N, C-alpha and C. Protein backbone atom coordinates (compact mmCIF):
# COMPACT_ATOMS: atom_id res chain seq x y z
N MET A 1 0.91 -1.13 -0.02
CA MET A 1 0.00 0.02 -0.08
C MET A 1 0.87 1.22 -0.02
N ASP A 2 0.63 2.05 -0.96
CA ASP A 2 1.41 3.40 -0.90
C ASP A 2 0.61 4.51 -0.37
N LYS A 3 1.17 5.72 -0.49
CA LYS A 3 0.41 6.87 0.09
C LYS A 3 -0.92 7.11 -0.60
N PHE A 4 -1.04 6.82 -1.87
CA PHE A 4 -2.30 7.02 -2.52
C PHE A 4 -3.42 6.05 -2.10
N ASP A 5 -2.99 4.82 -1.89
CA ASP A 5 -3.97 3.86 -1.33
C ASP A 5 -4.45 4.22 0.07
N LYS A 6 -3.51 4.73 0.87
CA LYS A 6 -3.79 5.16 2.30
C LYS A 6 -4.66 6.34 2.24
N ALA A 7 -4.41 7.28 1.26
CA ALA A 7 -5.38 8.49 1.15
C ALA A 7 -6.77 8.07 0.68
N ILE A 8 -6.80 7.07 -0.19
CA ILE A 8 -8.16 6.61 -0.65
C ILE A 8 -8.84 6.00 0.50
N ILE A 9 -8.26 5.13 1.23
CA ILE A 9 -8.89 4.49 2.39
C ILE A 9 -9.29 5.52 3.35
N ASN A 10 -8.51 6.53 3.57
CA ASN A 10 -8.80 7.58 4.59
C ASN A 10 -10.11 8.38 4.03
N ALA A 11 -10.16 8.66 2.73
CA ALA A 11 -11.36 9.32 2.24
C ALA A 11 -12.57 8.46 2.32
N LEU A 12 -12.38 7.13 2.08
CA LEU A 12 -13.56 6.23 2.21
C LEU A 12 -14.01 6.09 3.67
N ARG A 13 -13.09 6.14 4.63
CA ARG A 13 -13.47 6.14 6.02
C ARG A 13 -14.22 7.38 6.45
N GLN A 14 -13.99 8.50 5.84
CA GLN A 14 -14.64 9.76 6.11
C GLN A 14 -16.10 9.67 5.50
N ASP A 15 -16.21 9.13 4.33
CA ASP A 15 -17.55 9.01 3.71
C ASP A 15 -17.44 8.02 2.54
N ALA A 16 -17.88 6.77 2.83
CA ALA A 16 -17.73 5.71 1.88
C ALA A 16 -18.71 5.84 0.67
N ARG A 17 -19.66 6.80 0.82
CA ARG A 17 -20.63 7.08 -0.31
C ARG A 17 -20.23 8.17 -1.20
N GLN A 18 -19.05 8.77 -0.90
CA GLN A 18 -18.68 9.89 -1.77
C GLN A 18 -18.30 9.33 -3.21
N SER A 19 -18.37 10.17 -4.18
CA SER A 19 -18.10 9.79 -5.48
C SER A 19 -16.58 9.48 -5.68
N VAL A 20 -16.34 8.67 -6.74
CA VAL A 20 -14.97 8.50 -7.15
C VAL A 20 -14.28 9.76 -7.58
N SER A 21 -15.09 10.59 -8.19
CA SER A 21 -14.56 11.94 -8.69
C SER A 21 -14.04 12.76 -7.51
N SER A 22 -14.78 12.78 -6.45
CA SER A 22 -14.36 13.55 -5.27
C SER A 22 -13.14 12.93 -4.63
N ILE A 23 -13.06 11.72 -4.58
CA ILE A 23 -11.89 11.04 -3.96
C ILE A 23 -10.67 11.35 -4.87
N ALA A 24 -10.89 11.21 -6.22
CA ALA A 24 -9.82 11.48 -7.13
C ALA A 24 -9.23 12.86 -7.01
N GLU A 25 -10.16 13.80 -6.83
CA GLU A 25 -9.70 15.17 -6.61
C GLU A 25 -8.94 15.35 -5.37
N ALA A 26 -9.50 14.74 -4.21
CA ALA A 26 -8.80 14.80 -2.93
C ALA A 26 -7.38 14.20 -2.89
N VAL A 27 -7.20 13.18 -3.61
CA VAL A 27 -5.90 12.43 -3.58
C VAL A 27 -5.06 12.70 -4.75
N SER A 28 -5.48 13.58 -5.72
CA SER A 28 -4.77 14.05 -6.86
C SER A 28 -4.46 12.93 -7.79
N LEU A 29 -5.38 12.10 -8.16
CA LEU A 29 -5.28 11.01 -9.10
C LEU A 29 -6.44 11.14 -10.08
N SER A 30 -6.41 10.39 -11.23
CA SER A 30 -7.54 10.46 -12.07
C SER A 30 -8.56 9.48 -11.59
N ARG A 31 -9.83 9.74 -12.01
CA ARG A 31 -10.95 8.86 -11.62
C ARG A 31 -10.75 7.42 -11.96
N SER A 32 -10.16 7.14 -13.09
CA SER A 32 -9.90 5.70 -13.41
C SER A 32 -8.89 5.05 -12.54
N ALA A 33 -7.80 5.86 -12.22
CA ALA A 33 -6.77 5.37 -11.29
C ALA A 33 -7.33 5.07 -9.83
N VAL A 34 -8.18 5.89 -9.39
CA VAL A 34 -8.85 5.71 -8.12
C VAL A 34 -9.80 4.43 -8.18
N SER A 35 -10.54 4.37 -9.23
CA SER A 35 -11.46 3.20 -9.40
C SER A 35 -10.69 1.95 -9.44
N GLU A 36 -9.57 1.83 -10.13
CA GLU A 36 -8.75 0.66 -10.21
C GLU A 36 -8.13 0.34 -8.90
N ARG A 37 -7.68 1.34 -8.14
CA ARG A 37 -7.02 1.16 -6.82
C ARG A 37 -8.16 0.66 -5.86
N ILE A 38 -9.39 1.20 -5.89
CA ILE A 38 -10.37 0.71 -5.02
C ILE A 38 -10.71 -0.70 -5.29
N LYS A 39 -10.86 -0.99 -6.53
CA LYS A 39 -11.13 -2.42 -6.91
C LYS A 39 -9.99 -3.41 -6.48
N LYS A 40 -8.76 -2.95 -6.56
CA LYS A 40 -7.70 -3.78 -6.10
C LYS A 40 -7.66 -3.91 -4.59
N LEU A 41 -8.02 -2.83 -3.94
CA LEU A 41 -8.09 -2.97 -2.51
C LEU A 41 -9.23 -3.82 -2.01
N GLU A 42 -10.34 -3.92 -2.76
CA GLU A 42 -11.41 -4.79 -2.40
C GLU A 42 -11.04 -6.19 -2.79
N GLN A 43 -10.45 -6.47 -3.92
CA GLN A 43 -10.13 -7.85 -4.32
C GLN A 43 -9.15 -8.47 -3.52
N THR A 44 -8.08 -7.61 -2.94
CA THR A 44 -7.10 -8.18 -2.07
C THR A 44 -7.51 -8.35 -0.65
N GLY A 45 -8.70 -7.88 -0.26
CA GLY A 45 -9.24 -8.05 1.00
C GLY A 45 -8.85 -6.85 1.97
N ILE A 46 -8.09 -5.87 1.50
CA ILE A 46 -7.77 -4.78 2.34
C ILE A 46 -9.05 -3.97 2.68
N ILE A 47 -9.91 -3.75 1.67
CA ILE A 47 -11.26 -3.19 1.96
C ILE A 47 -12.09 -4.48 1.88
N ARG A 48 -12.70 -4.81 3.09
CA ARG A 48 -13.46 -6.04 3.20
C ARG A 48 -15.01 -5.75 2.97
N GLY A 49 -15.40 -4.49 2.95
CA GLY A 49 -16.78 -4.15 2.78
C GLY A 49 -17.12 -2.78 3.18
N TYR A 50 -18.37 -2.41 3.07
CA TYR A 50 -18.88 -1.12 3.47
C TYR A 50 -20.06 -1.40 4.41
N GLN A 51 -20.27 -0.45 5.29
CA GLN A 51 -21.35 -0.75 6.37
C GLN A 51 -21.93 0.54 6.80
N VAL A 52 -23.15 0.38 7.39
CA VAL A 52 -23.85 1.56 8.04
C VAL A 52 -23.61 1.35 9.48
N LEU A 53 -23.06 2.41 10.14
CA LEU A 53 -22.80 2.36 11.57
C LEU A 53 -23.86 3.33 12.20
N LEU A 54 -24.71 2.80 13.01
CA LEU A 54 -25.76 3.53 13.66
C LEU A 54 -25.19 4.02 15.06
N SER A 55 -25.70 5.23 15.42
CA SER A 55 -25.30 5.62 16.80
C SER A 55 -25.92 4.69 17.79
N GLU A 56 -25.32 4.53 18.96
CA GLU A 56 -25.88 3.67 20.02
C GLU A 56 -27.40 3.91 20.28
N SER A 57 -27.75 5.27 20.23
CA SER A 57 -29.09 5.53 20.61
C SER A 57 -30.14 5.16 19.56
N GLN A 58 -29.72 4.82 18.37
CA GLN A 58 -30.58 4.37 17.27
C GLN A 58 -30.60 2.86 17.10
N LYS A 59 -29.85 2.17 17.86
CA LYS A 59 -29.71 0.67 17.67
C LYS A 59 -30.80 0.11 18.59
N GLU A 60 -31.31 -1.03 18.10
CA GLU A 60 -32.10 -1.90 18.87
C GLU A 60 -31.24 -2.74 19.78
N GLY A 61 -31.64 -3.06 20.94
CA GLY A 61 -30.84 -3.99 21.78
C GLY A 61 -29.86 -3.12 22.70
N VAL A 62 -28.91 -3.82 23.17
CA VAL A 62 -28.00 -3.27 24.16
C VAL A 62 -26.59 -3.85 23.86
N SER A 63 -25.65 -2.95 24.09
CA SER A 63 -24.20 -3.44 23.95
C SER A 63 -23.49 -3.13 25.21
N ALA A 64 -22.38 -3.95 25.45
CA ALA A 64 -21.66 -3.80 26.68
C ALA A 64 -20.31 -4.31 26.45
N TYR A 65 -19.40 -3.88 27.37
CA TYR A 65 -17.99 -4.48 27.33
C TYR A 65 -17.87 -5.24 28.66
N PHE A 66 -17.29 -6.43 28.58
CA PHE A 66 -16.99 -7.24 29.72
C PHE A 66 -15.52 -7.23 29.92
N GLU A 67 -15.10 -6.93 31.15
CA GLU A 67 -13.65 -7.07 31.51
C GLU A 67 -13.56 -8.41 32.19
N ILE A 68 -12.69 -9.21 31.68
CA ILE A 68 -12.60 -10.66 32.07
C ILE A 68 -11.16 -10.85 32.77
N GLN A 69 -11.20 -11.52 33.90
CA GLN A 69 -9.91 -12.03 34.49
C GLN A 69 -10.06 -13.56 34.52
N HIS A 70 -9.05 -14.28 34.09
CA HIS A 70 -9.25 -15.74 34.08
C HIS A 70 -7.96 -16.41 34.67
N ARG A 71 -8.08 -17.74 34.88
CA ARG A 71 -6.94 -18.43 35.62
C ARG A 71 -6.12 -19.20 34.62
N CYS A 72 -6.44 -19.16 33.35
CA CYS A 72 -5.62 -20.00 32.34
C CYS A 72 -4.20 -19.40 32.17
N PRO A 73 -3.30 -20.23 31.78
CA PRO A 73 -1.94 -19.67 31.47
C PRO A 73 -1.79 -18.70 30.36
N ARG A 74 -2.72 -18.96 29.36
CA ARG A 74 -2.68 -18.01 28.23
C ARG A 74 -4.14 -17.61 27.93
N CYS A 75 -4.35 -16.45 27.42
CA CYS A 75 -5.67 -15.94 27.06
C CYS A 75 -6.25 -16.91 25.89
N ALA A 76 -5.50 -17.38 25.08
CA ALA A 76 -5.93 -18.20 24.01
C ALA A 76 -6.63 -19.50 24.48
N ASP A 77 -6.29 -19.87 25.73
CA ASP A 77 -6.89 -21.03 26.38
C ASP A 77 -8.36 -20.83 26.76
N VAL A 78 -8.80 -19.67 26.87
CA VAL A 78 -10.17 -19.36 27.39
C VAL A 78 -11.00 -18.75 26.24
N VAL A 79 -10.42 -18.40 25.19
CA VAL A 79 -11.14 -17.64 24.05
C VAL A 79 -12.29 -18.52 23.53
N HIS A 80 -12.18 -19.82 23.57
CA HIS A 80 -13.24 -20.74 23.10
C HIS A 80 -14.71 -20.39 23.77
N VAL A 81 -14.58 -19.95 24.96
CA VAL A 81 -15.78 -19.55 25.65
C VAL A 81 -16.61 -18.51 24.92
N PHE A 82 -15.85 -17.54 24.42
CA PHE A 82 -16.42 -16.38 23.75
C PHE A 82 -16.77 -16.70 22.31
N GLN A 83 -16.00 -17.48 21.64
CA GLN A 83 -16.26 -17.97 20.27
C GLN A 83 -17.67 -18.63 20.17
N SER A 84 -18.10 -19.23 21.22
CA SER A 84 -19.34 -19.96 21.27
C SER A 84 -20.57 -19.02 21.45
N ILE A 85 -20.33 -17.72 21.68
CA ILE A 85 -21.39 -16.74 21.89
C ILE A 85 -21.54 -15.91 20.62
N PRO A 86 -22.65 -16.04 19.89
CA PRO A 86 -22.78 -15.27 18.53
C PRO A 86 -22.83 -13.74 18.79
N GLU A 87 -23.28 -13.27 19.94
CA GLU A 87 -23.33 -11.81 20.16
C GLU A 87 -21.97 -11.17 20.41
N VAL A 88 -20.90 -11.98 20.64
CA VAL A 88 -19.62 -11.34 20.92
C VAL A 88 -19.09 -10.76 19.59
N ILE A 89 -18.77 -9.50 19.69
CA ILE A 89 -18.23 -8.76 18.43
C ILE A 89 -16.74 -8.82 18.46
N THR A 90 -16.15 -8.53 19.63
CA THR A 90 -14.63 -8.56 19.63
C THR A 90 -14.20 -9.14 20.98
N CYS A 91 -13.11 -9.74 20.99
CA CYS A 91 -12.47 -10.20 22.23
C CYS A 91 -11.05 -9.93 22.15
N ARG A 92 -10.54 -9.04 23.01
CA ARG A 92 -9.16 -8.61 22.86
C ARG A 92 -8.38 -8.82 24.20
N GLY A 93 -7.16 -9.23 24.10
CA GLY A 93 -6.24 -9.25 25.21
C GLY A 93 -5.79 -7.84 25.65
N ILE A 94 -5.79 -7.58 26.99
CA ILE A 94 -5.49 -6.21 27.49
C ILE A 94 -4.44 -6.34 28.66
N THR A 95 -3.90 -5.15 28.92
CA THR A 95 -2.89 -5.10 29.98
C THR A 95 -3.67 -4.67 31.24
N GLY A 96 -3.00 -4.84 32.44
CA GLY A 96 -3.59 -4.35 33.70
C GLY A 96 -4.10 -5.51 34.49
N ASP A 97 -5.04 -5.26 35.42
CA ASP A 97 -5.57 -6.28 36.26
C ASP A 97 -6.42 -7.33 35.60
N MET A 98 -7.02 -6.88 34.55
CA MET A 98 -7.91 -7.80 33.73
C MET A 98 -7.20 -8.31 32.58
N ASP A 99 -7.69 -9.46 32.01
CA ASP A 99 -6.99 -10.18 30.94
C ASP A 99 -7.53 -9.85 29.56
N LEU A 100 -8.93 -9.79 29.55
CA LEU A 100 -9.59 -9.69 28.27
C LEU A 100 -10.66 -8.57 28.26
N LEU A 101 -10.88 -7.99 27.13
CA LEU A 101 -12.01 -6.97 27.00
C LEU A 101 -12.86 -7.58 25.84
N VAL A 102 -14.04 -7.94 26.19
CA VAL A 102 -15.04 -8.50 25.30
C VAL A 102 -16.20 -7.59 24.98
N TYR A 103 -16.48 -7.23 23.68
CA TYR A 103 -17.57 -6.33 23.31
C TYR A 103 -18.66 -7.22 22.72
N VAL A 104 -19.88 -7.01 23.40
CA VAL A 104 -21.10 -7.81 23.09
C VAL A 104 -22.19 -6.86 22.64
N GLN A 105 -22.94 -7.34 21.58
CA GLN A 105 -24.20 -6.65 21.16
C GLN A 105 -25.34 -7.69 21.30
N ALA A 106 -26.28 -7.43 22.17
CA ALA A 106 -27.31 -8.36 22.44
C ALA A 106 -28.69 -7.72 22.07
N ASP A 107 -29.74 -8.61 21.79
CA ASP A 107 -31.00 -8.06 21.43
C ASP A 107 -31.71 -7.38 22.62
N SER A 108 -31.40 -7.84 23.85
CA SER A 108 -32.16 -7.27 25.02
C SER A 108 -31.29 -7.33 26.21
N MET A 109 -31.67 -6.58 27.30
CA MET A 109 -30.99 -6.59 28.46
C MET A 109 -31.08 -8.09 29.11
N ARG A 110 -32.19 -8.70 28.91
CA ARG A 110 -32.29 -10.11 29.33
C ARG A 110 -31.26 -10.99 28.73
N ARG A 111 -31.09 -10.87 27.46
CA ARG A 111 -30.13 -11.74 26.72
C ARG A 111 -28.61 -11.34 27.14
N LEU A 112 -28.40 -10.07 27.45
CA LEU A 112 -27.07 -9.62 27.91
C LEU A 112 -26.82 -10.25 29.25
N HIS A 113 -27.88 -10.28 30.10
CA HIS A 113 -27.75 -10.98 31.46
C HIS A 113 -27.46 -12.42 31.29
N GLU A 114 -28.08 -13.13 30.36
CA GLU A 114 -27.92 -14.54 30.19
C GLU A 114 -26.47 -14.80 29.68
N ILE A 115 -25.94 -13.98 28.84
CA ILE A 115 -24.59 -14.09 28.38
C ILE A 115 -23.64 -13.83 29.60
N ARG A 116 -23.81 -12.88 30.34
CA ARG A 116 -22.99 -12.60 31.48
C ARG A 116 -23.05 -13.75 32.49
N GLU A 117 -24.19 -14.36 32.69
CA GLU A 117 -24.30 -15.48 33.66
C GLU A 117 -23.58 -16.70 33.13
N TYR A 118 -23.68 -16.90 31.78
CA TYR A 118 -22.94 -18.05 31.15
C TYR A 118 -21.42 -17.84 31.31
N ILE A 119 -20.93 -16.62 31.02
CA ILE A 119 -19.49 -16.40 31.16
C ILE A 119 -19.00 -16.61 32.64
N ASP A 120 -19.89 -16.00 33.55
CA ASP A 120 -19.52 -16.08 34.99
C ASP A 120 -19.48 -17.48 35.54
N ALA A 121 -20.20 -18.31 34.91
CA ALA A 121 -20.33 -19.79 35.38
C ALA A 121 -19.13 -20.59 34.91
N GLN A 122 -18.36 -20.13 33.97
CA GLN A 122 -17.22 -20.85 33.45
C GLN A 122 -16.16 -20.98 34.60
N THR A 123 -15.69 -22.12 34.77
CA THR A 123 -14.68 -22.40 35.87
C THR A 123 -13.35 -21.60 35.73
N ASP A 124 -13.00 -21.28 34.53
CA ASP A 124 -11.74 -20.59 34.32
C ASP A 124 -11.89 -19.01 34.50
N ILE A 125 -13.06 -18.64 34.65
CA ILE A 125 -13.29 -17.12 34.89
C ILE A 125 -13.24 -16.83 36.36
N ILE A 126 -12.34 -15.90 36.74
CA ILE A 126 -12.17 -15.50 38.07
C ILE A 126 -12.99 -14.21 38.41
N LYS A 127 -12.95 -13.27 37.48
CA LYS A 127 -13.60 -11.98 37.79
C LYS A 127 -14.21 -11.55 36.44
N LEU A 128 -15.42 -10.87 36.58
CA LEU A 128 -16.07 -10.33 35.42
C LEU A 128 -16.71 -8.99 35.83
N LYS A 129 -16.39 -7.95 35.04
CA LYS A 129 -16.96 -6.62 35.20
C LYS A 129 -17.76 -6.34 33.97
N THR A 130 -18.92 -5.75 34.11
CA THR A 130 -19.78 -5.34 33.01
C THR A 130 -19.87 -3.84 32.90
N HIS A 131 -19.78 -3.36 31.71
CA HIS A 131 -19.92 -1.92 31.39
C HIS A 131 -20.89 -1.75 30.27
N VAL A 132 -22.10 -1.42 30.55
CA VAL A 132 -23.14 -1.26 29.52
C VAL A 132 -22.93 0.17 28.82
N VAL A 133 -22.97 0.11 27.44
CA VAL A 133 -22.78 1.31 26.66
C VAL A 133 -24.05 2.10 26.72
N MET A 134 -23.95 3.32 27.21
CA MET A 134 -25.06 4.20 27.26
C MET A 134 -25.19 5.26 26.09
N SER A 135 -24.07 5.67 25.71
CA SER A 135 -23.99 6.68 24.59
C SER A 135 -22.70 6.42 23.75
N GLU A 136 -22.74 6.93 22.53
CA GLU A 136 -21.54 6.85 21.66
C GLU A 136 -21.36 8.14 21.00
N TRP A 137 -20.18 8.73 21.12
CA TRP A 137 -19.94 10.07 20.48
C TRP A 137 -18.99 9.95 19.30
N ILE A 138 -18.03 8.99 19.36
CA ILE A 138 -17.08 8.87 18.27
C ILE A 138 -16.96 7.37 17.98
N ASP A 139 -16.95 7.01 16.74
CA ASP A 139 -16.71 5.63 16.25
C ASP A 139 -15.90 5.77 14.88
N ASN A 140 -14.68 5.56 15.01
CA ASN A 140 -13.84 5.64 13.74
C ASN A 140 -13.49 4.34 13.13
N ARG A 141 -14.28 3.34 13.56
CA ARG A 141 -14.02 2.01 12.82
C ARG A 141 -14.38 2.13 11.40
N GLY A 142 -13.51 1.53 10.61
CA GLY A 142 -13.70 1.69 9.20
C GLY A 142 -14.16 0.46 8.52
């Protein structure tokens, strides 16, 4: 990826619906060059797709972060617990007192509670903190 590909990706992150012409103008390339680059970025999997991101207040359901502390020697040894839950969006290893940060989007508070209870019942889980998302002001996921 060169500076032009990075500039194109940045432009698409800002507004994925903008015209190829406006991207071409912003990155100082021809429309055909930008079209070809976008197509190549899509075909190679660098651009995996386009999506609509709703603000938290417009979404149905509830989302939360779970901070997880476990007793396994490695985080990878407990990840299978989260892979079995379809509502888990991300599971990341973190530094500090806790080991994992798990992001969940559930249809209801009841379902979020069921997920929490399931995780808490696992023998390898030592500690579980829940942080329900109330508002969202910035989301730069691309």
